Protein backbone atom coordinates (compact mmCIF):
# COMPACT_ATOMS: atom_id res chain seq x y z
CA UNK A 1 -215.83 -150.37 9.33
CA UNK A 2 -214.95 -147.22 11.25
CA UNK A 3 -218.63 -146.59 11.92
CA UNK A 4 -218.90 -150.07 13.44
CA UNK A 5 -216.13 -149.30 15.99
CA UNK A 6 -217.59 -145.89 16.78
CA UNK A 7 -221.03 -147.38 17.49
CA UNK A 8 -219.51 -150.12 19.68
CA UNK A 9 -217.55 -147.51 21.65
CA UNK A 10 -220.63 -145.30 22.08
CA UNK A 11 -222.74 -148.27 23.26
CA UNK A 12 -220.03 -149.31 25.76
CA UNK A 13 -219.83 -145.78 27.15
CA UNK A 14 -223.59 -145.62 27.55
CA UNK A 15 -223.61 -148.91 29.48
CA UNK A 16 -220.87 -147.72 31.84
CA UNK A 17 -222.62 -144.40 32.42
CA UNK A 18 -225.93 -146.10 33.22
CA UNK A 19 -224.24 -148.25 35.89
CA UNK A 20 -222.74 -145.15 37.49
CA UNK A 21 -226.12 -143.35 37.59
CA UNK A 22 -227.88 -146.41 39.04
CA UNK A 23 -225.92 -146.24 42.29
CA UNK A 24 -227.72 -144.83 45.33
CA UNK A 25 -226.27 -141.59 46.64
CA UNK A 26 -225.13 -141.70 50.29
CA UNK A 27 -226.54 -139.28 52.81
CA UNK A 28 -224.26 -136.55 54.14
CA UNK A 29 -224.48 -138.02 57.68
CA UNK A 30 -223.06 -141.35 56.47
CA UNK A 31 -220.36 -139.57 54.50
CA UNK A 32 -219.29 -137.50 57.54
CA UNK A 33 -219.08 -140.60 59.74
CA UNK A 34 -217.07 -142.48 57.15
CA UNK A 35 -214.51 -139.70 56.77
CA UNK A 36 -214.08 -138.99 60.49
CA UNK A 37 -213.94 -142.61 61.71
CA UNK A 38 -210.48 -144.01 62.46
CA UNK A 39 -209.30 -146.64 60.02
CA UNK A 40 -209.29 -150.24 61.26
CA UNK A 41 -205.64 -150.67 60.24
CA UNK A 42 -203.05 -147.95 60.69
CA UNK A 43 -201.60 -147.08 57.32
CA UNK A 44 -199.31 -144.29 58.47
CA UNK A 45 -195.78 -145.70 58.62
CA UNK A 46 -194.63 -142.95 60.98
CA UNK A 47 -196.75 -144.53 63.73
CA UNK A 48 -194.40 -147.54 63.64
CA UNK A 49 -191.20 -145.51 63.95
CA UNK A 50 -188.83 -147.04 66.49
CA UNK A 51 -190.16 -150.59 66.02
CA UNK A 52 -187.95 -153.34 64.65
CA UNK A 53 -188.61 -155.86 61.93
CA UNK A 54 -188.56 -159.35 63.42
CA UNK A 55 -187.33 -160.75 60.12
CA UNK A 56 -184.16 -158.68 60.59
CA UNK A 57 -183.64 -159.83 64.20
CA UNK A 58 -183.34 -163.45 63.06
CA UNK A 59 -179.76 -163.96 61.96
CA UNK A 60 -178.44 -161.10 64.09
CA UNK A 61 -175.01 -161.77 65.62
CA UNK A 62 -174.83 -162.12 69.40
CA UNK A 63 -171.77 -160.96 71.35
CA UNK A 64 -170.85 -160.99 75.03
CA UNK A 65 -169.52 -158.12 77.15
CA UNK A 66 -165.96 -158.81 75.90
CA UNK A 67 -167.07 -158.45 72.25
CA UNK A 68 -166.60 -162.18 71.67
CA UNK A 69 -169.00 -163.74 69.19
CA UNK A 70 -171.40 -166.18 70.87
CA UNK A 71 -173.50 -167.14 67.87
CA UNK A 72 -176.58 -165.78 66.13
CA UNK A 73 -180.30 -165.49 66.71
CA UNK A 74 -182.11 -168.39 65.05
CA UNK A 75 -185.67 -167.70 66.15
CA UNK A 76 -187.96 -165.56 68.29
CA UNK A 77 -190.54 -167.26 70.51
CA UNK A 78 -193.78 -165.37 71.15
CA UNK A 79 -196.82 -165.91 73.32
CA UNK A 80 -200.32 -165.98 71.86
CA UNK A 81 -200.54 -162.19 72.13
CA UNK A 82 -197.48 -161.74 69.94
CA UNK A 83 -195.15 -160.59 72.72
CA UNK A 84 -191.62 -161.96 72.32
CA UNK A 85 -190.79 -164.15 75.31
CA UNK A 86 -187.51 -165.83 74.31
CA UNK A 87 -184.70 -165.70 71.79
CA UNK A 88 -183.30 -168.94 70.36
CA UNK A 89 -179.55 -168.58 69.88
CA UNK A 90 -177.41 -170.96 67.84
CA UNK A 91 -174.05 -171.47 69.55
CA UNK A 92 -171.03 -173.12 67.97
CA UNK A 93 -171.07 -175.29 64.90
CA UNK A 94 -170.13 -174.40 61.37
CA UNK A 95 -172.78 -173.25 58.91
CA UNK A 96 -175.49 -174.64 61.16
CA UNK A 97 -173.90 -178.11 61.48
CA UNK A 98 -173.19 -179.07 65.08
CA UNK A 99 -174.95 -175.96 66.34
CA UNK A 100 -176.27 -176.00 69.93
CA UNK A 101 -179.62 -174.17 70.24
CA UNK A 102 -180.46 -172.47 73.54
CA UNK A 103 -183.49 -170.40 74.50
CA UNK A 104 -182.75 -167.23 76.46
CA UNK A 105 -185.36 -164.92 77.98
CA UNK A 106 -185.91 -161.91 75.74
CA UNK A 107 -185.22 -159.43 78.56
CA UNK A 108 -181.71 -160.91 79.05
CA UNK A 109 -180.69 -159.92 75.52
CA UNK A 110 -179.71 -156.31 74.89
CA UNK A 111 -179.94 -154.95 71.35
CA UNK A 112 -177.34 -152.41 70.26
CA UNK A 113 -177.52 -149.96 67.35
CA UNK A 114 -173.80 -149.10 67.27
CA UNK A 115 -171.35 -151.46 65.54
CA UNK A 116 -168.95 -153.58 67.63
CA UNK A 117 -165.93 -151.59 68.83
CA UNK A 118 -162.85 -153.66 67.97
CA UNK A 119 -159.79 -153.14 70.15
CA UNK A 120 -157.11 -154.41 67.79
CA UNK A 121 -156.59 -154.16 64.06
CA UNK A 122 -156.14 -157.93 63.78
CA UNK A 123 -159.59 -158.67 65.23
CA UNK A 124 -161.46 -156.10 63.16
CA UNK A 125 -163.16 -157.38 60.03
CA UNK A 126 -161.92 -155.99 56.76
CA UNK A 127 -164.14 -153.30 55.20
CA UNK A 128 -166.64 -154.72 52.76
CA UNK A 129 -165.96 -158.27 53.93
CA UNK A 130 -162.73 -158.47 51.90
CA UNK A 131 -159.67 -160.20 53.24
CA UNK A 132 -156.94 -157.90 54.51
CA UNK A 133 -153.91 -157.59 52.31
CA UNK A 134 -150.78 -159.41 53.44
CA UNK A 135 -148.51 -156.65 52.17
CA UNK A 136 -148.07 -153.40 54.02
CA UNK A 137 -146.74 -150.07 52.91
CA UNK A 138 -144.26 -148.37 55.21
CA UNK A 139 -145.34 -144.91 56.28
CA UNK A 140 -148.88 -145.29 54.99
CA UNK A 141 -151.44 -143.16 56.78
CA UNK A 142 -154.24 -145.04 58.48
CA UNK A 143 -157.74 -143.77 58.00
CA UNK A 144 -160.79 -144.39 60.11
CA UNK A 145 -163.48 -146.49 58.43
CA UNK A 146 -166.42 -144.60 57.02
CA UNK A 147 -169.30 -144.15 59.44
CA UNK A 148 -172.14 -146.53 58.73
CA UNK A 149 -175.64 -145.06 58.77
CA UNK A 150 -177.84 -146.70 61.40
CA UNK A 151 -180.90 -148.49 60.14
CA UNK A 152 -184.02 -147.53 62.14
CA UNK A 153 -185.73 -150.86 61.36
CA UNK A 154 -183.28 -153.19 63.11
CA UNK A 155 -180.29 -153.08 65.49
CA UNK A 156 -176.67 -153.80 64.54
CA UNK A 157 -176.17 -156.73 66.93
CA UNK A 158 -177.29 -158.26 70.23
CA UNK A 159 -175.42 -158.50 73.54
CA UNK A 160 -175.73 -161.23 76.17
CA UNK A 161 -173.84 -161.43 79.46
CA UNK A 162 -172.58 -164.99 79.08
CA UNK A 163 -169.70 -166.94 77.62
CA UNK A 164 -169.88 -169.44 74.80
CA UNK A 165 -169.09 -172.24 77.28
CA UNK A 166 -171.95 -171.16 79.57
CA UNK A 167 -174.38 -171.24 76.64
CA UNK A 168 -173.14 -174.65 75.49
CA UNK A 169 -173.68 -175.94 79.06
CA UNK A 170 -177.35 -174.87 78.97
CA UNK A 171 -179.96 -177.48 78.05
CA UNK A 172 -180.46 -177.69 74.31
CA UNK A 173 -183.65 -176.11 73.01
CA UNK A 174 -185.78 -178.47 70.94
CA UNK A 175 -188.94 -177.60 69.06
CA UNK A 176 -191.74 -179.80 70.39
CA UNK A 177 -194.56 -180.87 68.09
CA UNK A 178 -197.08 -181.48 70.88
């Protein structure tokens, strides 16, 4: 029985070796051209450093110059070359219901890496998304929130010089199927 497996293994090895020897060797000129030619697709991730992921731009919060929330980015509109031409912003509504979509030129939106600077403690979100405690301790020392590391693949938020009322007054953006 063991001899049967040994013979089968030896025959399989011989078949694989014969296929490897049957291949034509490439000339050295072809080999040199293949190794020195630039690849068709860049595989080095460092060449994309400083670029943003479009999937992370969708859903990004949009604020105005007074740090008031205007809405969020719902979509990015591109031309046929892939250049982003407009940003579709959802204004108002609750969980997408009653939301007013407006298209704003991409160059009107400014993307910011630093988090929003809140002026008062009551308007600042609680760390970790938790609700602030209703009880306070007298004489407790206040500490600054821990610095958040910036992500190089997407900004923290977007800024637009407009008010929520101005955006709601804009014509609603509708996706055409024509």
